[in-house]
Amino acid sequence: MCLWLATWLGAQEPAGLPVLPLAASALGIEIEFVAAGKLPDGAQQERVIALTSGDPECLTGSRIVQVRYRWPQGRWQPAAAAIVPCALPAAPHAPWSVLLIAGDDGQMAGGVVLDGDGNIAEAWRGFGEQFAGKDLPSFRDAVPRREVESRLAELAAGKDAAARAGQSLVAMRTDMLRQSIHIGAVMEALATGAPVPAAAGRIVEDSFAAMASRAEALAPLFGKTATSYGEQAKAAAALVAAARTARPDATEGKQRLRELRRGCANCHELTGETFQGELAAASAAKRRDLGLGDRPFLLGYDVLLDFSGQPSPASEVPGLLAPTFHRAALLLAALQDR
């Protein structure tokens, strides 16, 4: 473990934790140090290792810090930060690290990537930000990364209706993630009457349109509800397209914002005769039934590289960061007994 990480993790006062204000600034939240924490027990750590890589050294130097955080004008929430080193081939003597924060409610506040000098790795800021607002994975029901990768490959190779339904379910998750990263910028513009950011608007529109195009293939899983899902997604795509090309208007923007929020809620809350509960929960259950587990942090599936809508850096870094964030999330989930 590099010297700066050992130094600040050993400190017992907020002034000795320079990375916390850096993380707070990067994530747009306030963070306060509470106390040094403890890692999960040995058996749980062994399970994290087995789930993520099988490398017995992958958790060496990992730490837990008890903190509390809040969004601007929000309430303070008790939380924990997991810091897990990530050795990169380009920096073997100064390991990078990831820091991931999750509240006691199980929701992640986001993460940051720290270079070997303890600074925020700006090129990868969006990589950690994409986890904000997402739930921690289930520790109890987690499936090893390699098994999920194998199952995804099997689904991709299938040709029958059941396989196409599985492929569409996988694509549905990726499309939902892609739009969720950018829809905040669209909603903020609508709320203020500002122009919708071109890149964000296009990504959200395309994501909704892609969801609509796959609705028919989801019928074996969700029955007639798949049609309703497609209609809601198509309407959302049209609404964003109209907002993206319209002149800024505060009154009209707020009306479109209400319609967009209502449409998103209606889609998530869809019910049907072929599944239990609402569509969002049923989709997660169907993914588990397909052997995909809960949140395996796999690039291209539930972790995105093109979070910014810009060309991504060509390097080996994403393939190392994703499992490192996965380890951090599983450590936090184990502590919460999720």
C-alpha atoms as a PDB file:
ATOM      1  CA  MET A   1       0.000   0.000   0.000  1.00  0.00           C
ATOM      2  CA  CYS A   2       1.340   3.438  -0.906  1.00  0.00           C
ATOM      3  CA  LEU A   3       2.515   5.765   1.874  1.00  0.00           C
ATOM      4  CA  TRP A   4      -0.173   8.444   1.564  1.00  0.00           C
ATOM      5  CA  LEU A   5      -2.954   5.851   1.872  1.00  0.00           C
ATOM      6  CA  ALA A   6      -1.416   4.248   4.927  1.00  0.00           C
ATOM      7  CA  THR A   7      -0.957   7.672   6.502  1.00  0.00           C
ATOM      8  CA  TRP A   8      -4.436   9.069   6.103  1.00  0.00           C
ATOM      9  CA  LEU A   9      -6.196   5.810   6.885  1.00  0.00           C
ATOM     10  CA  GLY A  10      -4.342   5.602  10.152  1.00  0.00           C
ATOM     11  CA  ALA A  11      -5.439   9.072  11.212  1.00  0.00           C
ATOM     12  CA  GLN A  12      -8.199   9.505  13.783  1.00  0.00           C
ATOM     13  CA  GLU A  13      -9.075  13.153  13.070  1.00  0.00           C
ATOM     14  CA  PRO A  14     -10.819  14.645  10.037  1.00  0.00           C
ATOM     15  CA  ALA A  15      -7.798  16.842   9.328  1.00  0.00           C
ATOM     16  CA  GLY A  16      -5.807  13.695   8.703  1.00  0.00           C
ATOM     17  CA  LEU A  17      -8.153  12.553   5.958  1.00  0.00           C
ATOM     18  CA  PRO A  18      -7.390  14.775   2.959  1.00  0.00           C
ATOM     19  CA  VAL A  19      -9.059  12.401   0.512  1.00  0.00           C
ATOM     20  CA  LEU A  20     -12.544  12.856   2.015  1.00  0.00           C
ATOM     21  CA  PRO A  21     -12.956  16.498   0.959  1.00  0.00           C
ATOM     22  CA  LEU A  22     -11.548  15.574  -2.446  1.00  0.00           C
ATOM     23  CA  ALA A  23     -14.152  12.824  -2.780  1.00  0.00           C
ATOM     24  CA  ALA A  24     -16.893  15.134  -1.525  1.00  0.00           C
ATOM     25  CA  SER A  25     -16.017  17.759  -4.118  1.00  0.00           C
ATOM     26  CA  ALA A  26     -15.899  15.192  -6.913  1.00  0.00           C
ATOM     27  CA  LEU A  27     -19.273  13.669  -5.978  1.00  0.00           C
ATOM     28  CA  GLY A  28     -21.052  16.912  -5.128  1.00  0.00           C
ATOM     29  CA  ILE A  29     -21.810  15.892  -1.547  1.00  0.00           C
ATOM     30  CA  GLU A  30     -20.620  16.692   1.958  1.00  0.00           C
ATOM     31  CA  ILE A  31     -18.700  14.001   3.840  1.00  0.00           C
ATOM     32  CA  GLU A  32     -17.650  13.948   7.479  1.00  0.00           C
ATOM     33  CA  PHE A  33     -15.264  11.497   9.111  1.00  0.00           C
ATOM     34  CA  VAL A  34     -16.779   9.582  12.054  1.00  0.00           C
ATOM     35  CA  ALA A  35     -14.387   6.771  12.973  1.00  0.00           C
ATOM     36  CA  ALA A  36     -12.062   4.138  11.632  1.00  0.00           C
ATOM     37  CA  GLY A  37     -14.054   1.035  10.731  1.00  0.00           C
ATOM     38  CA  LYS A  38     -13.437  -2.688  10.552  1.00  0.00           C
ATOM     39  CA  LEU A  39     -13.425  -4.965   7.550  1.00  0.00           C
ATOM     40  CA  PRO A  40     -15.881  -7.873   7.422  1.00  0.00           C
ATOM     41  CA  ASP A  41     -14.704 -11.077   9.082  1.00  0.00           C
ATOM     42  CA  GLY A  42     -12.287 -13.501   7.459  1.00  0.00           C
ATOM     43  CA  ALA A  43     -14.933 -15.791   5.989  1.00  0.00           C
ATOM     44  CA  GLN A  44     -16.736 -12.879   4.393  1.00  0.00           C
ATOM     45  CA  GLN A  45     -13.493 -11.541   2.943  1.00  0.00           C
ATOM     46  CA  GLU A  46     -12.780 -14.968   1.457  1.00  0.00           C
ATOM     47  CA  ARG A  47     -16.211 -14.901  -0.154  1.00  0.00           C
ATOM     48  CA  VAL A  48     -15.520 -11.457  -1.647  1.00  0.00           C
ATOM     49  CA  ILE A  49     -12.267 -12.811  -3.075  1.00  0.00           C
ATOM     50  CA  ALA A  50     -14.012 -15.850  -4.550  1.00  0.00           C
ATOM     51  CA  LEU A  51     -16.791 -13.738  -6.044  1.00  0.00           C
ATOM     52  CA  THR A  52     -14.517 -11.209  -7.714  1.00  0.00           C
ATOM     53  CA  SER A  53     -11.293 -12.819  -8.842  1.00  0.00           C
ATOM     54  CA  GLY A  54      -9.982 -15.643  -6.710  1.00  0.00           C
ATOM     55  CA  ASP A  55      -6.766 -13.657  -6.192  1.00  0.00           C
ATOM     56  CA  PRO A  56      -5.947 -14.033  -2.472  1.00  0.00           C
ATOM     57  CA  GLU A  57      -4.127 -10.680  -2.447  1.00  0.00           C
ATOM     58  CA  CYS A  58      -6.889  -8.576  -3.990  1.00  0.00           C
ATOM     59  CA  LEU A  59      -8.076  -7.188  -0.645  1.00  0.00           C
ATOM     60  CA  THR A  60      -4.640  -6.520   0.817  1.00  0.00           C
ATOM     61  CA  GLY A  61      -4.538  -2.935   2.105  1.00  0.00           C
ATOM     62  CA  SER A  62      -8.311  -2.481   1.988  1.00  0.00           C
ATOM     63  CA  ARG A  63      -9.880  -0.371   4.714  1.00  0.00           C
ATOM     64  CA  ILE A  64     -13.276   0.737   5.995  1.00  0.00           C
ATOM     65  CA  VAL A  65     -13.971   4.241   7.322  1.00  0.00           C
ATOM     66  CA  GLN A  66     -17.200   5.218   9.077  1.00  0.00           C
ATOM     67  CA  VAL A  67     -18.503   8.521   7.740  1.00  0.00           C
ATOM     68  CA  ARG A  68     -21.691  10.428   7.256  1.00  0.00           C
ATOM     69  CA  TYR A  69     -22.738  12.275   4.119  1.00  0.00           C
ATOM     70  CA  ARG A  70     -25.470  14.416   2.694  1.00  0.00           C
ATOM     71  CA  TRP A  71     -26.514  15.831  -0.634  1.00  0.00           C
ATOM     72  CA  PRO A  72     -26.816  19.638  -0.896  1.00  0.00           C
ATOM     73  CA  GLN A  73     -29.545  20.811   1.499  1.00  0.00           C
ATOM     74  CA  GLY A  74     -30.198  17.181   2.402  1.00  0.00           C
ATOM     75  CA  ARG A  75     -30.110  15.290   5.675  1.00  0.00           C
ATOM     76  CA  TRP A  76     -26.981  13.708   7.068  1.00  0.00           C
ATOM     77  CA  GLN A  77     -26.924   9.938   6.574  1.00  0.00           C
ATOM     78  CA  PRO A  78     -24.732   7.440   8.403  1.00  0.00           C
ATOM     79  CA  ALA A  79     -22.501   5.654   5.922  1.00  0.00           C
ATOM     80  CA  ALA A  80     -19.259   3.805   5.370  1.00  0.00           C
ATOM     81  CA  ALA A  81     -16.490   4.199   2.818  1.00  0.00           C
ATOM     82  CA  ALA A  82     -14.587   1.224   1.484  1.00  0.00           C
ATOM     83  CA  ILE A  83     -11.116   1.859   0.100  1.00  0.00           C
ATOM     84  CA  VAL A  84      -9.644  -0.920  -2.023  1.00  0.00           C
ATOM     85  CA  PRO A  85      -6.231  -0.703  -3.762  1.00  0.00           C
ATOM     86  CA  CYS A  86      -6.056  -1.374  -7.475  1.00  0.00           C
ATOM     87  CA  ALA A  87      -2.610  -2.232  -8.811  1.00  0.00           C
ATOM     88  CA  LEU A  88      -2.161  -1.089 -12.390  1.00  0.00           C
ATOM     89  CA  PRO A  89       0.567  -2.424 -14.686  1.00  0.00           C
ATOM     90  CA  ALA A  90       1.581   1.164 -15.468  1.00  0.00           C
ATOM     91  CA  ALA A  91       2.015   2.041 -11.770  1.00  0.00           C
ATOM     92  CA  PRO A  92       3.248  -1.089  -9.955  1.00  0.00           C
ATOM     93  CA  HIS A  93       4.990   0.843  -7.155  1.00  0.00           C
ATOM     94  CA  ALA A  94       2.218   3.373  -6.492  1.00  0.00           C
ATOM     95  CA  PRO A  95      -1.083   1.485  -6.461  1.00  0.00           C
ATOM     96  CA  TRP A  96      -4.207   3.329  -7.372  1.00  0.00           C
ATOM     97  CA  SER A  97      -7.287   2.890  -5.196  1.00  0.00           C
ATOM     98  CA  VAL A  98     -11.037   3.219  -5.406  1.00  0.00           C
ATOM     99  CA  LEU A  99     -13.171   4.763  -2.676  1.00  0.00           C
ATOM    100  CA  LEU A 100     -16.851   3.850  -2.613  1.00  0.00           C
ATOM    101  CA  ILE A 101     -19.395   5.334  -0.200  1.00  0.00           C
ATOM    102  CA  ALA A 102     -22.727   3.760   0.734  1.00  0.00           C
ATOM    103  CA  GLY A 103     -25.288   4.832   3.298  1.00  0.00           C
ATOM    104  CA  ASP A 104     -26.707   2.535   5.922  1.00  0.00           C
ATOM    105  CA  ASP A 105     -29.811   2.375   3.729  1.00  0.00           C
ATOM    106  CA  GLY A 106     -27.798   0.404   1.175  1.00  0.00           C
ATOM    107  CA  GLN A 107     -27.709   3.153  -1.457  1.00  0.00           C
ATOM    108  CA  MET A 108     -24.374   4.160  -2.917  1.00  0.00           C
ATOM    109  CA  ALA A 109     -23.431   7.839  -2.931  1.00  0.00           C
ATOM    110  CA  GLY A 110     -20.825   7.227  -5.634  1.00  0.00           C
ATOM    111  CA  GLY A 111     -17.140   6.514  -5.813  1.00  0.00           C
ATOM    112  CA  VAL A 112     -13.862   8.035  -6.867  1.00  0.00           C
ATOM    113  CA  VAL A 113     -10.662   6.711  -8.377  1.00  0.00           C
ATOM    114  CA  LEU A 114      -7.466   7.806  -6.619  1.00  0.00           C
ATOM    115  CA  ASP A 115      -4.119   7.763  -8.353  1.00  0.00           C
ATOM    116  CA  GLY A 116      -0.863   6.726  -6.704  1.00  0.00           C
ATOM    117  CA  ASP A 117      -0.369  10.216  -5.271  1.00  0.00           C
ATOM    118  CA  GLY A 118      -3.764  10.262  -3.594  1.00  0.00           C
ATOM    119  CA  ASN A 119      -5.354  12.659  -6.065  1.00  0.00           C
ATOM    120  CA  ILE A 120      -8.638  12.213  -7.897  1.00  0.00           C
ATOM    121  CA  ALA A 121      -7.948  10.567 -11.258  1.00  0.00           C
ATOM    122  CA  GLU A 122      -9.891  13.088 -13.337  1.00  0.00           C
ATOM    123  CA  ALA A 123      -9.975  10.910 -16.452  1.00  0.00           C
ATOM    124  CA  TRP A 124     -12.020   8.374 -14.483  1.00  0.00           C
ATOM    125  CA  ARG A 125     -14.237  10.726 -12.480  1.00  0.00           C
ATOM    126  CA  GLY A 126     -17.365   9.622 -14.323  1.00  0.00           C
ATOM    127  CA  PHE A 127     -16.543   5.973 -13.775  1.00  0.00           C
ATOM    128  CA  GLY A 128     -17.126   6.259 -10.031  1.00  0.00           C
ATOM    129  CA  GLU A 129     -19.946   8.778 -10.313  1.00  0.00           C
ATOM    130  CA  GLN A 130     -22.107   6.312 -12.230  1.00  0.00           C
ATOM    131  CA  PHE A 131     -22.735   4.296  -9.054  1.00  0.00           C
ATOM    132  CA  ALA A 132     -24.429   7.203  -7.238  1.00  0.00           C
ATOM    133  CA  GLY A 133     -28.050   6.444  -6.409  1.00  0.00           C
ATOM    134  CA  LYS A 134     -27.691   2.711  -7.098  1.00  0.00           C
ATOM    135  CA  ASP A 135     -28.209   0.034  -4.453  1.00  0.00           C
ATOM    136  CA  LEU A 136     -25.368  -2.078  -3.158  1.00  0.00           C
ATOM    137  CA  PRO A 137     -25.332  -5.620  -4.527  1.00  0.00           C
ATOM    138  CA  SER A 138     -26.675  -8.423  -2.400  1.00  0.00           C
ATOM    139  CA  PHE A 139     -23.816 -10.131  -0.593  1.00  0.00           C
ATOM    140  CA  ARG A 140     -25.841 -13.212   0.282  1.00  0.00           C
ATOM    141  CA  ASP A 141     -27.132 -13.815  -3.262  1.00  0.00           C
ATOM    142  CA  ALA A 142     -24.052 -12.692  -5.217  1.00  0.00           C
ATOM    143  CA  VAL A 143     -22.907 -14.798  -8.165  1.00  0.00           C
ATOM    144  CA  PRO A 144     -19.186 -15.039  -9.088  1.00  0.00           C
ATOM    145  CA  ARG A 145     -18.190 -12.645 -11.849  1.00  0.00           C
ATOM    146  CA  ARG A 146     -16.869 -15.442 -14.064  1.00  0.00           C
ATOM    147  CA  GLU A 147     -20.188 -17.297 -13.846  1.00  0.00           C
ATOM    148  CA  VAL A 148     -22.108 -14.176 -14.857  1.00  0.00           C
ATOM    149  CA  GLU A 149     -19.737 -13.591 -17.775  1.00  0.00           C
ATOM    150  CA  SER A 150     -20.256 -17.197 -18.903  1.00  0.00           C
ATOM    151  CA  ARG A 151     -24.036 -16.917 -18.605  1.00  0.00           C
ATOM    152  CA  LEU A 152     -24.089 -13.656 -20.581  1.00  0.00           C
ATOM    153  CA  ALA A 153     -22.109 -15.347 -23.356  1.00  0.00           C
ATOM    154  CA  GLU A 154     -24.570 -18.239 -23.413  1.00  0.00           C
ATOM    155  CA  LEU A 155     -27.520 -15.866 -23.650  1.00  0.00           C
ATOM    156  CA  ALA A 156     -25.866 -13.891 -26.456  1.00  0.00           C
ATOM    157  CA  ALA A 157     -25.389 -17.077 -28.478  1.00  0.00           C
ATOM    158  CA  GLY A 158     -29.010 -18.236 -28.144  1.00  0.00           C
ATOM    159  CA  LYS A 159     -31.385 -18.115 -31.111  1.00  0.00           C
ATOM    160  CA  ASP A 160     -34.817 -19.082 -29.775  1.00  0.00           C
ATOM    161  CA  ALA A 161     -37.514 -16.851 -28.277  1.00  0.00           C
ATOM    162  CA  ALA A 162     -36.395 -17.532 -24.724  1.00  0.00           C
ATOM    163  CA  ALA A 163     -32.825 -16.529 -25.574  1.00  0.00           C
ATOM    164  CA  ARG A 164     -34.016 -13.375 -27.345  1.00  0.00           C
ATOM    165  CA  ALA A 165     -36.052 -12.489 -24.261  1.00  0.00           C
ATOM    166  CA  GLY A 166     -32.963 -12.947 -22.117  1.00  0.00           C
ATOM    167  CA  GLN A 167     -30.878 -10.848 -24.505  1.00  0.00           C
ATOM    168  CA  SER A 168     -33.482  -8.079 -24.384  1.00  0.00           C
ATOM    169  CA  LEU A 169     -33.572  -8.221 -20.593  1.00  0.00           C
ATOM    170  CA  VAL A 170     -29.787  -7.764 -20.525  1.00  0.00           C
ATOM    171  CA  ALA A 171     -29.973  -4.891 -23.010  1.00  0.00           C
ATOM    172  CA  MET A 172     -32.839  -3.349 -21.029  1.00  0.00           C
ATOM    173  CA  ARG A 173     -30.603  -3.112 -17.975  1.00  0.00           C
ATOM    174  CA  THR A 174     -27.754  -1.497 -19.907  1.00  0.00           C
ATOM    175  CA  ASP A 175     -30.110   0.978 -21.588  1.00  0.00           C
ATOM    176  CA  MET A 176     -31.653   1.888 -18.234  1.00  0.00           C
ATOM    177  CA  LEU A 177     -28.218   2.473 -16.752  1.00  0.00           C
ATOM    178  CA  ARG A 178     -27.097   4.613 -19.681  1.00  0.00           C
ATOM    179  CA  GLN A 179     -30.117   6.887 -19.521  1.00  0.00           C
ATOM    180  CA  SER A 180     -30.027   7.070 -15.717  1.00  0.00           C
ATOM    181  CA  ILE A 181     -26.530   8.571 -15.830  1.00  0.00           C
ATOM    182  CA  HIS A 182     -27.645  11.392 -18.128  1.00  0.00           C
ATOM    183  CA  ILE A 183     -31.315  11.966 -17.369  1.00  0.00           C
ATOM    184  CA  GLY A 184     -30.469  14.200 -14.408  1.00  0.00           C
ATOM    185  CA  ALA A 185     -28.953  16.778 -16.766  1.00  0.00           C
ATOM    186  CA  VAL A 186     -32.056  16.617 -18.957  1.00  0.00           C
ATOM    187  CA  MET A 187     -34.396  17.043 -15.984  1.00  0.00           C
ATOM    188  CA  GLU A 188     -32.385  19.946 -14.599  1.00  0.00           C
ATOM    189  CA  ALA A 189     -32.591  21.740 -17.938  1.00  0.00           C
ATOM    190  CA  LEU A 190     -36.354  21.196 -18.136  1.00  0.00           C
ATOM    191  CA  ALA A 191     -36.808  22.433 -14.563  1.00  0.00           C
ATOM    192  CA  THR A 192     -34.974  25.692 -15.267  1.00  0.00           C
ATOM    193  CA  GLY A 193     -36.034  26.305 -18.848  1.00  0.00           C
ATOM    194  CA  ALA A 194     -32.462  25.936 -20.067  1.00  0.00           C
ATOM    195  CA  PRO A 195     -31.539  24.160 -23.319  1.00  0.00           C
ATOM    196  CA  VAL A 196     -31.291  20.402 -22.926  1.00  0.00           C
ATOM    197  CA  PRO A 197     -27.580  19.430 -23.189  1.00  0.00           C
ATOM    198  CA  ALA A 198     -27.118  18.000 -26.665  1.00  0.00           C
ATOM    199  CA  ALA A 199     -25.067  14.925 -25.758  1.00  0.00           C
ATOM    200  CA  ALA A 200     -27.104  14.008 -22.682  1.00  0.00           C
ATOM    201  CA  GLY A 201     -30.394  14.543 -24.509  1.00  0.00           C
ATOM    202  CA  ARG A 202     -29.355  12.343 -27.408  1.00  0.00           C
ATOM    203  CA  ILE A 203     -28.156   9.530 -25.133  1.00  0.00           C
ATOM    204  CA  VAL A 204     -31.383   9.559 -23.090  1.00  0.00           C
ATOM    205  CA  GLU A 205     -33.564   9.686 -26.203  1.00  0.00           C
ATOM    206  CA  ASP A 206     -31.645   6.850 -27.875  1.00  0.00           C
ATOM    207  CA  SER A 207     -31.774   4.756 -24.710  1.00  0.00           C
ATOM    208  CA  PHE A 208     -35.545   5.066 -24.412  1.00  0.00           C
ATOM    209  CA  ALA A 209     -35.954   4.329 -28.126  1.00  0.00           C
ATOM    210  CA  ALA A 210     -33.806   1.207 -27.779  1.00  0.00           C
ATOM    211  CA  MET A 211     -35.943   0.018 -24.858  1.00  0.00           C
ATOM    212  CA  ALA A 212     -39.089   0.489 -26.925  1.00  0.00           C
ATOM    213  CA  SER A 213     -37.636  -1.462 -29.848  1.00  0.00           C
ATOM    214  CA  ARG A 214     -36.988  -4.500 -27.642  1.00  0.00           C
ATOM    215  CA  ALA A 215     -40.365  -4.615 -25.929  1.00  0.00           C
ATOM    216  CA  GLU A 216     -41.860  -7.300 -28.176  1.00  0.00           C
ATOM    217  CA  ALA A 217     -39.000  -9.699 -27.421  1.00  0.00           C
ATOM    218  CA  LEU A 218     -39.732  -9.372 -23.689  1.00  0.00           C
ATOM    219  CA  ALA A 219     -43.225 -10.872 -24.027  1.00  0.00           C
ATOM    220  CA  PRO A 220     -42.107 -14.405 -22.995  1.00  0.00           C
ATOM    221  CA  LEU A 221     -40.994 -12.916 -19.667  1.00  0.00           C
ATOM    222  CA  PHE A 222     -43.613 -10.228 -18.996  1.00  0.00           C
ATOM    223  CA  GLY A 223     -46.614 -11.124 -21.149  1.00  0.00           C
ATOM    224  CA  LYS A 224     -48.873  -8.265 -22.219  1.00  0.00           C
ATOM    225  CA  THR A 225     -47.030  -5.910 -19.876  1.00  0.00           C
ATOM    226  CA  ALA A 226     -44.160  -5.886 -22.382  1.00  0.00           C
ATOM    227  CA  THR A 227     -46.408  -3.953 -24.780  1.00  0.00           C
ATOM    228  CA  SER A 228     -47.201  -1.354 -22.126  1.00  0.00           C
ATOM    229  CA  TYR A 229     -43.511  -1.077 -21.321  1.00  0.00           C
ATOM    230  CA  GLY A 230     -42.720  -0.436 -24.983  1.00  0.00           C
ATOM    231  CA  GLU A 231     -45.394   2.240 -25.231  1.00  0.00           C
ATOM    232  CA  GLN A 232     -44.094   4.039 -22.148  1.00  0.00           C
ATOM    233  CA  ALA A 233     -40.494   3.925 -23.424  1.00  0.00           C
ATOM    234  CA  LYS A 234     -41.548   5.174 -26.872  1.00  0.00           C
ATOM    235  CA  ALA A 235     -43.466   8.068 -25.307  1.00  0.00           C
ATOM    236  CA  ALA A 236     -40.458   8.983 -23.149  1.00  0.00           C
ATOM    237  CA  ALA A 237     -38.169   8.972 -26.198  1.00  0.00           C
ATOM    238  CA  ALA A 238     -40.556  11.270 -28.069  1.00  0.00           C
ATOM    239  CA  LEU A 239     -40.842  13.613 -25.093  1.00  0.00           C
ATOM    240  CA  VAL A 240     -37.061  13.932 -24.738  1.00  0.00           C
ATOM    241  CA  ALA A 241     -36.686  14.399 -28.498  1.00  0.00           C
ATOM    242  CA  ALA A 242     -39.182  17.255 -28.432  1.00  0.00           C
ATOM    243  CA  ALA A 243     -37.471  18.851 -25.439  1.00  0.00           C
ATOM    244  CA  ARG A 244     -34.060  18.454 -27.017  1.00  0.00           C
ATOM    245  CA  THR A 245     -35.011  20.363 -30.148  1.00  0.00           C
ATOM    246  CA  ALA A 246     -37.307  22.973 -28.565  1.00  0.00           C
ATOM    247  CA  ARG A 247     -36.386  26.515 -27.663  1.00  0.00           C
ATOM    248  CA  PRO A 248     -35.921  27.003 -23.917  1.00  0.00           C
ATOM    249  CA  ASP A 249     -39.177  27.812 -22.164  1.00  0.00           C
ATOM    250  CA  ALA A 250     -39.504  27.510 -18.382  1.00  0.00           C
ATOM    251  CA  THR A 251     -43.256  26.848 -18.306  1.00  0.00           C
ATOM    252  CA  GLU A 252     -43.214  24.270 -21.078  1.00  0.00           C
ATOM    253  CA  GLY A 253     -40.053  22.716 -19.674  1.00  0.00           C
ATOM    254  CA  LYS A 254     -41.644  22.140 -16.278  1.00  0.00           C
ATOM    255  CA  GLN A 255     -44.674  20.563 -17.913  1.00  0.00           C
ATOM    256  CA  ARG A 256     -42.444  18.199 -19.882  1.00  0.00           C
ATOM    257  CA  LEU A 257     -40.535  17.425 -16.694  1.00  0.00           C
ATOM    258  CA  ARG A 258     -43.778  16.430 -14.934  1.00  0.00           C
ATOM    259  CA  GLU A 259     -44.728  14.227 -17.880  1.00  0.00           C
ATOM    260  CA  LEU A 260     -41.303  12.595 -17.958  1.00  0.00           C
ATOM    261  CA  ARG A 261     -41.327  11.860 -14.236  1.00  0.00           C
ATOM    262  CA  ARG A 262     -44.861  10.517 -14.443  1.00  0.00           C
ATOM    263  CA  GLY A 263     -43.948   8.291 -17.374  1.00  0.00           C
ATOM    264  CA  CYS A 264     -40.878   6.894 -15.611  1.00  0.00           C
ATOM    265  CA  ALA A 265     -42.907   6.132 -12.480  1.00  0.00           C
ATOM    266  CA  ASN A 266     -45.696   4.515 -14.497  1.00  0.00           C
ATOM    267  CA  CYS A 267     -43.201   2.275 -16.288  1.00  0.00           C
ATOM    268  CA  HIS A 268     -41.415   1.167 -13.116  1.00  0.00           C
ATOM    269  CA  GLU A 269     -44.740   0.451 -11.429  1.00  0.00           C
ATOM    270  CA  LEU A 270     -46.239  -1.666 -14.212  1.00  0.00           C
ATOM    271  CA  THR A 271     -47.714  -4.956 -13.016  1.00  0.00           C
ATOM    272  CA  GLY A 272     -48.756  -8.072 -14.904  1.00  0.00           C
ATOM    273  CA  GLU A 273     -50.301 -11.510 -14.728  1.00  0.00           C
ATOM    274  CA  THR A 274     -47.050 -13.383 -15.400  1.00  0.00           C
ATOM    275  CA  PHE A 275     -44.908 -11.932 -12.611  1.00  0.00           C
ATOM    276  CA  GLN A 276     -45.057 -10.792  -9.005  1.00  0.00           C
ATOM    277  CA  GLY A 277     -44.839  -7.159  -7.925  1.00  0.00           C
ATOM    278  CA  GLU A 278     -43.874  -4.212 -10.093  1.00  0.00           C
ATOM    279  CA  LEU A 279     -41.863  -4.351 -13.309  1.00  0.00           C
ATOM    280  CA  ALA A 280     -38.600  -2.987 -11.874  1.00  0.00           C
ATOM    281  CA  ALA A 281     -38.479  -5.622  -9.116  1.00  0.00           C
ATOM    282  CA  ALA A 282     -39.707  -8.337 -11.477  1.00  0.00           C
ATOM    283  CA  SER A 283     -36.912  -7.541 -13.938  1.00  0.00           C
ATOM    284  CA  ALA A 284     -34.323  -7.945 -11.189  1.00  0.00           C
ATOM    285  CA  ALA A 285     -35.897 -11.273 -10.200  1.00  0.00           C
ATOM    286  CA  LYS A 286     -35.839 -12.470 -13.828  1.00  0.00           C
ATOM    287  CA  ARG A 287     -32.136 -11.597 -14.079  1.00  0.00           C
ATOM    288  CA  ARG A 288     -31.450 -13.640 -10.964  1.00  0.00           C
ATOM    289  CA  ASP A 289     -33.458 -16.521 -12.442  1.00  0.00           C
ATOM    290  CA  LEU A 290     -31.191 -16.355 -15.499  1.00  0.00           C
ATOM    291  CA  GLY A 291     -28.120 -16.774 -13.286  1.00  0.00           C
ATOM    292  CA  LEU A 292     -26.986 -13.139 -13.590  1.00  0.00           C
ATOM    293  CA  GLY A 293     -27.079 -12.385  -9.890  1.00  0.00           C
ATOM    294  CA  ASP A 294     -27.752  -8.908  -8.597  1.00  0.00           C
ATOM    295  CA  ARG A 295     -25.058  -6.338  -9.499  1.00  0.00           C
ATOM    296  CA  PRO A 296     -21.836  -7.994 -10.751  1.00  0.00           C
ATOM    297  CA  PHE A 297     -20.133  -4.735 -11.875  1.00  0.00           C
ATOM    298  CA  LEU A 298     -19.357  -6.020 -15.379  1.00  0.00           C
ATOM    299  CA  LEU A 299     -18.262  -3.629 -18.118  1.00  0.00           C
ATOM    300  CA  GLY A 300     -20.906  -3.307 -20.796  1.00  0.00           C
ATOM    301  CA  TYR A 301     -23.611  -4.847 -18.638  1.00  0.00           C
ATOM    302  CA  ASP A 302     -24.166  -2.945 -15.390  1.00  0.00           C
ATOM    303  CA  VAL A 303     -21.037  -0.778 -15.537  1.00  0.00           C
ATOM    304  CA  LEU A 304     -20.549   1.618 -18.424  1.00  0.00           C
ATOM    305  CA  LEU A 305     -17.375   2.949 -19.935  1.00  0.00           C
ATOM    306  CA  ASP A 306     -19.009   5.539 -22.207  1.00  0.00           C
ATOM    307  CA  PHE A 307     -20.578   7.403 -19.265  1.00  0.00           C
ATOM    308  CA  SER A 308     -19.641  10.804 -20.667  1.00  0.00           C
ATOM    309  CA  GLY A 309     -20.865  10.274 -24.193  1.00  0.00           C
ATOM    310  CA  GLN A 310     -17.313  11.069 -25.321  1.00  0.00           C
ATOM    311  CA  PRO A 311     -14.625   8.763 -26.755  1.00  0.00           C
ATOM    312  CA  SER A 312     -13.271   6.651 -23.912  1.00  0.00           C
ATOM    313  CA  PRO A 313      -9.582   6.421 -23.036  1.00  0.00           C
ATOM    314  CA  ALA A 314      -8.044   3.343 -24.585  1.00  0.00           C
ATOM    315  CA  SER A 315      -6.388   1.517 -21.721  1.00  0.00           C
ATOM    316  CA  GLU A 316      -6.573  -1.481 -19.444  1.00  0.00           C
ATOM    317  CA  VAL A 317      -7.790   0.666 -16.562  1.00  0.00           C
ATOM    318  CA  PRO A 318     -11.587   0.042 -16.845  1.00  0.00           C
ATOM    319  CA  GLY A 319     -11.136  -3.707 -16.709  1.00  0.00           C
ATOM    320  CA  LEU A 320      -9.279  -3.299 -13.415  1.00  0.00           C
ATOM    321  CA  LEU A 321     -11.474  -0.615 -11.898  1.00  0.00           C
ATOM    322  CA  ALA A 322     -14.762  -2.492 -12.368  1.00  0.00           C
ATOM    323  CA  PRO A 323     -13.839  -5.540 -10.224  1.00  0.00           C
ATOM    324  CA  THR A 324     -12.160  -3.264  -7.678  1.00  0.00           C
ATOM    325  CA  PHE A 325     -15.360  -1.270  -7.239  1.00  0.00           C
ATOM    326  CA  HIS A 326     -17.180  -4.613  -7.053  1.00  0.00           C
ATOM    327  CA  ARG A 327     -14.959  -5.679  -4.141  1.00  0.00           C
ATOM    328  CA  ALA A 328     -15.574  -2.369  -2.394  1.00  0.00           C
ATOM    329  CA  ALA A 329     -19.339  -2.736  -2.844  1.00  0.00           C
ATOM    330  CA  LEU A 330     -19.333  -6.324  -1.580  1.00  0.00           C
ATOM    331  CA  LEU A 331     -17.327  -5.348   1.505  1.00  0.00           C
ATOM    332  CA  LEU A 332     -19.922  -2.697   2.315  1.00  0.00           C
ATOM    333  CA  ALA A 333     -22.784  -5.086   1.572  1.00  0.00           C
ATOM    334  CA  ALA A 334     -21.259  -7.729   3.864  1.00  0.00           C
ATOM    335  CA  LEU A 335     -21.033  -5.199   6.692  1.00  0.00           C
ATOM    336  CA  GLN A 336     -24.728  -4.433   6.214  1.00  0.00           C
ATOM    337  CA  ASP A 337     -25.593  -8.141   6.000  1.00  0.00           C
ATOM    338  CA  ARG A 338     -27.422  -7.550   2.724  1.00  0.00           C
END
